[in-house]
Protein backbone atom coordinates (compact mmCIF):
# COMPACT_ATOMS: atom_id res chain seq x y z
CA UNK A 1 149.96 63.33 97.15
CA UNK A 2 146.94 62.34 99.25
CA UNK A 3 146.73 65.84 100.80
CA UNK A 4 146.83 67.42 97.32
CA UNK A 5 143.95 65.23 96.10
CA UNK A 6 142.00 65.99 99.26
CA UNK A 7 142.41 69.74 98.68
CA UNK A 8 141.25 69.40 95.07
CA UNK A 9 138.15 67.42 96.04
CA UNK A 10 137.31 69.97 98.77
CA UNK A 11 137.63 72.81 96.27
CA UNK A 12 135.39 71.06 93.73
CA UNK A 13 132.77 70.38 96.41
CA UNK A 14 132.79 74.07 97.39
CA UNK A 15 132.27 75.16 93.76
CA UNK A 16 129.44 72.61 93.38
CA UNK A 17 127.69 73.86 96.52
CA UNK A 18 128.00 77.50 95.44
CA UNK A 19 126.63 76.78 91.95
CA UNK A 20 123.80 74.71 93.43
CA UNK A 21 122.90 77.57 95.75
CA UNK A 22 122.90 80.06 92.87
CA UNK A 23 120.69 77.81 90.72
CA UNK A 24 118.34 77.30 93.69
CA UNK A 25 117.96 81.05 94.13
CA UNK A 26 117.31 81.53 90.42
CA UNK A 27 114.72 78.77 90.44
CA UNK A 28 112.92 80.30 93.44
CA UNK A 29 112.96 83.71 91.79
CA UNK A 30 111.40 82.41 88.59
CA UNK A 31 108.71 80.52 90.50
CA UNK A 32 107.76 83.56 92.56
CA UNK A 33 107.56 85.73 89.47
CA UNK A 34 105.25 83.27 87.71
CA UNK A 35 102.86 83.08 90.65
CA UNK A 36 102.67 86.81 91.36
CA UNK A 37 102.24 87.66 87.69
CA UNK A 38 99.23 85.38 87.27
CA UNK A 39 96.95 84.97 90.25
CA UNK A 40 94.68 82.67 88.25
CA UNK A 41 92.85 80.45 88.68
CA UNK A 42 91.30 82.06 91.74
CA UNK A 43 88.18 81.50 93.80
CA UNK A 44 86.14 84.29 95.40
CA UNK A 45 82.92 84.59 97.36
CA UNK A 46 80.56 87.09 95.75
CA UNK A 47 77.82 89.16 97.41
CA UNK A 48 75.26 86.38 96.96
CA UNK A 49 77.52 84.12 99.03
CA UNK A 50 78.38 82.04 95.96
CA UNK A 51 81.80 80.45 95.47
CA UNK A 52 82.95 81.47 92.01
CA UNK A 53 86.10 80.29 90.25
CA UNK A 54 87.76 82.46 87.63
CA UNK A 55 90.04 80.22 85.61
CA UNK A 56 92.09 82.93 83.89
CA UNK A 57 92.23 86.67 83.39
CA UNK A 58 89.09 87.54 81.41
CA UNK A 59 89.44 89.05 77.95
CA UNK A 60 85.73 89.61 77.27
CA UNK A 61 83.63 91.21 80.03
CA UNK A 62 79.93 92.06 80.19
CA UNK A 63 78.74 94.61 82.77
CA UNK A 64 75.15 94.54 83.99
CA UNK A 65 75.31 97.83 85.92
CA UNK A 66 76.41 101.41 85.15
CA UNK A 67 78.54 101.60 88.32
CA UNK A 68 80.39 98.43 87.32
CA UNK A 69 80.94 99.80 83.83
CA UNK A 70 82.44 102.99 85.27
CA UNK A 71 84.72 100.93 87.49
CA UNK A 72 85.94 98.80 84.58
CA UNK A 73 86.83 101.84 82.50
CA UNK A 74 88.49 103.54 85.49
CA UNK A 75 90.69 100.45 85.84
CA UNK A 76 91.77 100.67 82.21
CA UNK A 77 89.69 97.68 81.11
CA UNK A 78 87.45 99.43 78.60
CA UNK A 79 88.92 97.52 75.67
CA UNK A 80 87.80 94.24 77.27
CA UNK A 81 84.19 95.31 77.78
CA UNK A 82 81.97 93.64 75.16
CA UNK A 83 78.54 94.43 76.57
CA UNK A 84 76.87 97.06 78.80
CA UNK A 85 73.33 98.11 79.75
CA UNK A 86 71.31 100.80 78.01
CA UNK A 87 72.02 103.06 80.99
CA UNK A 88 75.81 102.79 80.92
CA UNK A 89 76.63 106.29 79.70
CA UNK A 90 79.92 107.09 81.41
CA UNK A 91 82.60 107.49 80.25
CA UNK A 92 81.65 108.50 76.71
CA UNK A 93 83.33 105.38 75.32
CA UNK A 94 80.84 103.22 77.22
CA UNK A 95 78.02 104.52 75.02
CA UNK A 96 79.65 102.89 72.01
CA UNK A 97 79.70 99.40 73.53
CA UNK A 98 77.14 96.76 72.46
CA UNK A 99 73.96 96.96 74.55
CA UNK A 100 72.54 93.94 76.36
CA UNK A 101 69.29 95.49 77.62
CA UNK A 102 68.12 97.35 80.69
CA UNK A 103 69.73 97.59 84.11
CA UNK A 104 67.13 95.43 85.84
CA UNK A 105 65.99 93.65 82.67
CA UNK A 106 69.04 92.53 80.70
CA UNK A 107 68.61 90.15 77.79
CA UNK A 108 70.20 86.83 78.72
CA UNK A 109 70.30 86.00 75.02
CA UNK A 110 72.30 89.12 74.19
CA UNK A 111 74.66 88.47 77.10
CA UNK A 112 75.35 84.95 75.86
CA UNK A 113 75.76 86.22 72.29
CA UNK A 114 78.52 88.58 73.48
CA UNK A 115 80.58 85.46 74.39
CA UNK A 116 81.95 86.88 77.66
CA UNK A 117 84.34 84.94 79.86
CA UNK A 118 83.17 87.07 82.81
CA UNK A 119 79.82 88.69 83.63
CA UNK A 120 79.73 91.26 86.44
CA UNK A 121 76.26 91.77 87.93
CA UNK A 122 74.44 93.20 90.96
CA UNK A 123 71.78 91.71 93.22
CA UNK A 124 69.02 93.19 91.07
CA UNK A 125 70.13 90.66 88.43
CA UNK A 126 69.95 87.71 90.83
CA UNK A 127 67.15 85.94 88.94
CA UNK A 128 69.26 85.94 85.77
CA UNK A 129 72.31 84.29 87.36
CA UNK A 130 71.16 80.63 87.03
CA UNK A 131 70.24 81.17 83.40
CA UNK A 132 73.63 82.68 82.59
CA UNK A 133 75.47 79.97 84.49
CA UNK A 134 73.49 77.26 82.70
CA UNK A 135 74.78 78.79 79.48
CA UNK A 136 78.32 78.18 80.72
CA UNK A 137 79.13 81.76 81.75
CA UNK A 138 81.10 82.83 84.81
CA UNK A 139 79.09 85.36 86.84
CA UNK A 140 80.21 87.45 89.81
CA UNK A 141 77.59 89.43 91.76
CA UNK A 142 78.60 92.51 93.75
CA UNK A 143 76.54 94.95 95.81
CA UNK A 144 77.73 98.13 97.56
CA UNK A 145 75.55 99.31 100.43
CA UNK A 146 77.89 102.03 101.68
CA UNK A 147 81.05 103.90 100.74
CA UNK A 148 83.55 101.44 102.28
CA UNK A 149 81.92 98.63 100.27
CA UNK A 150 82.35 100.64 97.08
CA UNK A 151 86.10 100.56 97.62
CA UNK A 152 86.04 96.87 98.54
CA UNK A 153 84.13 95.98 95.39
CA UNK A 154 86.39 98.02 93.13
CA UNK A 155 89.26 95.98 94.57
CA UNK A 156 87.27 92.80 93.93
CA UNK A 157 86.66 93.84 90.32
CA UNK A 158 90.39 94.44 90.00
CA UNK A 159 91.13 91.04 91.46
CA UNK A 160 88.83 89.02 89.20
CA UNK A 161 89.95 90.90 86.08
CA UNK A 162 93.69 90.80 86.72
CA UNK A 163 93.82 94.56 87.38
CA UNK A 164 94.61 94.51 91.12
CA UNK A 165 97.41 97.08 90.88
CA UNK A 166 95.17 99.59 89.13
CA UNK A 167 92.39 98.92 91.65
CA UNK A 168 94.76 99.46 94.58
CA UNK A 169 95.90 102.78 93.14
CA UNK A 170 92.36 103.95 92.43
CA UNK A 171 90.97 103.02 95.83
CA UNK A 172 93.98 104.50 97.63
CA UNK A 173 93.24 107.86 96.00
CA UNK A 174 89.53 107.54 96.83
CA UNK A 175 90.31 106.62 100.45
CA UNK A 176 92.58 109.65 100.81
CA UNK A 177 89.79 111.96 99.70
CA UNK A 178 87.29 110.23 101.99
CA UNK A 179 89.66 110.43 104.96
CA UNK A 180 90.13 114.15 104.35
CA UNK A 181 86.45 114.56 105.20
CA UNK A 182 85.80 111.90 107.81
CA UNK A 183 88.71 113.05 109.98
CA UNK A 184 87.05 116.46 110.19
CA UNK A 185 83.41 115.49 110.68
CA UNK A 186 83.62 112.03 112.21
CA UNK A 187 83.72 113.18 115.82
CA UNK A 188 81.06 115.87 115.64
CA UNK A 189 78.25 115.69 118.23
CA UNK A 190 74.70 115.28 116.93
CA UNK A 191 73.77 118.90 117.58
CA UNK A 192 76.43 119.96 115.06
CA UNK A 193 75.13 117.65 112.34
CA UNK A 194 72.51 119.36 110.15
CA UNK A 195 69.18 117.73 109.31
CA UNK A 196 69.29 116.89 105.60
CA UNK A 197 66.56 116.45 103.03
CA UNK A 198 67.91 114.69 99.94
CA UNK A 199 65.37 114.90 97.12
CA UNK A 200 65.69 112.21 94.48
CA UNK A 201 62.52 113.32 92.70
CA UNK A 202 59.99 116.13 93.26
CA UNK A 203 56.70 114.45 92.30
CA UNK A 204 56.08 112.41 94.28
CA UNK A 205 58.60 113.62 96.83
CA UNK A 206 61.19 110.86 96.90
CA UNK A 207 64.20 110.46 99.15
CA UNK A 208 66.40 107.74 100.60
CA UNK A 209 65.51 105.85 103.76
CA UNK A 210 67.84 104.11 106.20
CA UNK A 211 68.58 101.24 103.79
CA UNK A 212 69.59 103.48 100.90
CA UNK A 213 73.11 104.20 99.73
CA UNK A 214 72.28 107.91 99.93
CA UNK A 215 71.62 107.57 103.66
CA UNK A 216 75.10 106.14 104.18
CA UNK A 217 76.66 109.08 102.33
CA UNK A 218 74.68 111.63 104.36
CA UNK A 219 75.69 109.99 107.64
CA UNK A 220 79.36 109.61 106.75
CA UNK A 221 79.52 113.22 105.55
CA UNK A 222 78.33 114.48 108.93
CA UNK A 223 74.63 114.97 108.34
CA UNK A 224 71.35 113.54 109.67
CA UNK A 225 68.91 112.19 107.10
CA UNK A 226 65.37 113.36 107.90
CA UNK A 227 64.13 109.99 106.56
CA UNK A 228 66.87 108.00 108.28
CA UNK A 229 64.35 106.37 110.60
CA UNK A 230 62.37 104.85 107.73
CA UNK A 231 63.48 101.25 107.15
CA UNK A 232 63.35 101.36 103.37
CA UNK A 233 65.64 102.25 100.50
CA UNK A 234 63.58 104.76 98.49
CA UNK A 235 60.83 106.59 100.38
CA UNK A 236 57.90 108.72 99.22
CA UNK A 237 57.28 111.59 101.64
CA UNK A 238 54.37 113.91 102.17
CA UNK A 239 55.09 117.65 102.14
CA UNK A 240 53.88 117.73 105.75
CA UNK A 241 56.63 115.32 106.81
CA UNK A 242 59.32 117.46 105.20
CA UNK A 243 57.93 120.61 106.79
CA UNK A 244 57.61 118.98 110.21
CA UNK A 245 61.17 117.71 110.18
CA UNK A 246 62.42 121.11 108.96
CA UNK A 247 65.67 120.22 107.12
CA UNK A 248 68.55 122.61 107.56
CA UNK A 249 70.12 121.52 104.28
CA UNK A 250 68.36 120.40 101.11
CA UNK A 251 70.10 118.63 98.25
CA UNK A 252 68.33 118.19 94.93
CA UNK A 253 69.33 115.26 92.78
CA UNK A 254 66.93 115.35 89.84
CA UNK A 255 67.62 116.28 86.24
CA UNK A 256 65.79 116.10 82.95
CA UNK A 257 62.68 117.74 81.52
CA UNK A 258 60.54 117.17 84.63
CA UNK A 259 63.18 118.22 87.16
CA UNK A 260 63.05 121.38 89.23
CA UNK A 261 65.66 124.05 89.84
CA UNK A 262 66.79 125.51 93.14
CA UNK A 263 64.52 128.48 92.48
CA UNK A 264 61.57 126.14 91.90
CA UNK A 265 62.32 124.51 95.24
CA UNK A 266 62.44 127.87 97.03
CA UNK A 267 59.09 128.93 95.57
CA UNK A 268 57.10 125.89 96.75
CA UNK A 269 53.92 127.09 98.38
CA UNK A 270 53.96 126.75 102.16
CA UNK A 271 57.66 125.89 102.34
CA UNK A 272 58.83 129.42 103.14
CA UNK A 273 59.71 128.60 106.75
CA UNK A 274 61.84 125.56 105.95
CA UNK A 275 65.26 126.31 107.43
CA UNK A 276 67.13 125.24 104.28
CA UNK A 277 65.15 127.79 102.26
CA UNK A 278 65.32 130.59 104.82
CA UNK A 279 69.12 130.19 105.12
CA UNK A 280 69.70 129.48 101.43
CA UNK A 281 71.35 126.12 102.06
CA UNK A 282 70.15 124.31 98.96
CA UNK A 283 72.43 122.42 96.62
CA UNK A 284 71.82 120.92 93.19
CA UNK A 285 74.02 117.94 92.37
CA UNK A 286 75.53 118.65 88.96
CA UNK A 287 75.48 114.97 88.00
CA UNK A 288 73.10 112.77 89.96
CA UNK A 289 75.15 109.70 89.08
CA UNK A 290 77.94 110.85 91.40
CA UNK A 291 75.68 110.12 94.36
CA UNK A 292 73.41 107.29 93.25
CA UNK A 293 75.95 105.16 91.37
CA UNK A 294 78.28 103.14 93.53
CA UNK A 295 81.32 103.65 91.30
CA UNK A 296 84.58 105.63 91.41
CA UNK A 297 82.90 109.02 90.92
CA UNK A 298 80.87 108.67 94.10
CA UNK A 299 83.67 110.43 95.98
CA UNK A 300 82.77 113.60 94.06
CA UNK A 301 79.20 113.41 95.34
CA UNK A 302 80.43 112.67 98.84
CA UNK A 303 82.68 115.73 98.81
CA UNK A 304 79.82 117.89 97.51
CA UNK A 305 77.60 116.76 100.39
CA UNK A 306 80.25 117.34 103.03
CA UNK A 307 80.87 120.90 101.79
CA UNK A 308 77.13 121.60 101.90
CA UNK A 309 76.85 120.25 105.44
CA UNK A 310 80.03 121.76 106.87
CA UNK A 311 81.31 124.63 104.71
CA UNK A 312 83.38 125.89 107.63
CA UNK A 313 85.27 122.59 107.93
CA UNK A 314 85.45 121.34 104.33
CA UNK A 315 86.99 123.82 101.91
């Protein structure tokens, strides 16, 4: 009798332990799912070195820069955008969004009126940050100085908006296209890197110095910026400087009523001996925003540059 009771108790204990183990696993699974599906609240350090807390996934977002707007739409967040600058013109849907003012001169009043739970800005908007924060808004400032930082900041935008998966997919595709070029031109000696003149505007002659985003693109694409030794972002050059440095490749990045064509560039008086003109290595960027905006489309501009610099390597 005693042995029978002992066997019964042992069996019941075994069932209890098994059920407890099953319930424990289920509980752990539910907890993990809840954490990974949320990610909020979260704290990040933005490009002003500020600690910013995002309490929950934002539903109303204001963008203070065209590149940020492009990134938001590329991540599938266009329906959450409730305010953009007057210069946010891509994609087409961005033009229909409420405007909050200029790129460098947004209206703090209009931003507040949009009732955003997240404002994404750049360093050019730094003076507006205290005013927006005093109004109770959450502001994250990002700044991309080179191509790798563009990818990092797209991931950051994905993180603070709850779109990390979309950001990972987008940046993985961008990185693949970048790697396709850098693996081919990254190890080239200096004598195989052409001297490049990148013309932002023809009058006055304007290009990018060593601190410009354009300079980083030229360098990464296997070229040498003729103004790369000027410690500025945008630089005004004299015609004599361009002629003296004799660029082997010229890229024109100006559009609009006052812009010039490739033929206009070729016909400039006294420029006949410039190597880029003599060898017909002049390119006109079809959309200047693919090289001056630090958004997802910048890879297109990067590929265009690389093909101009190294047509034998980049097909």
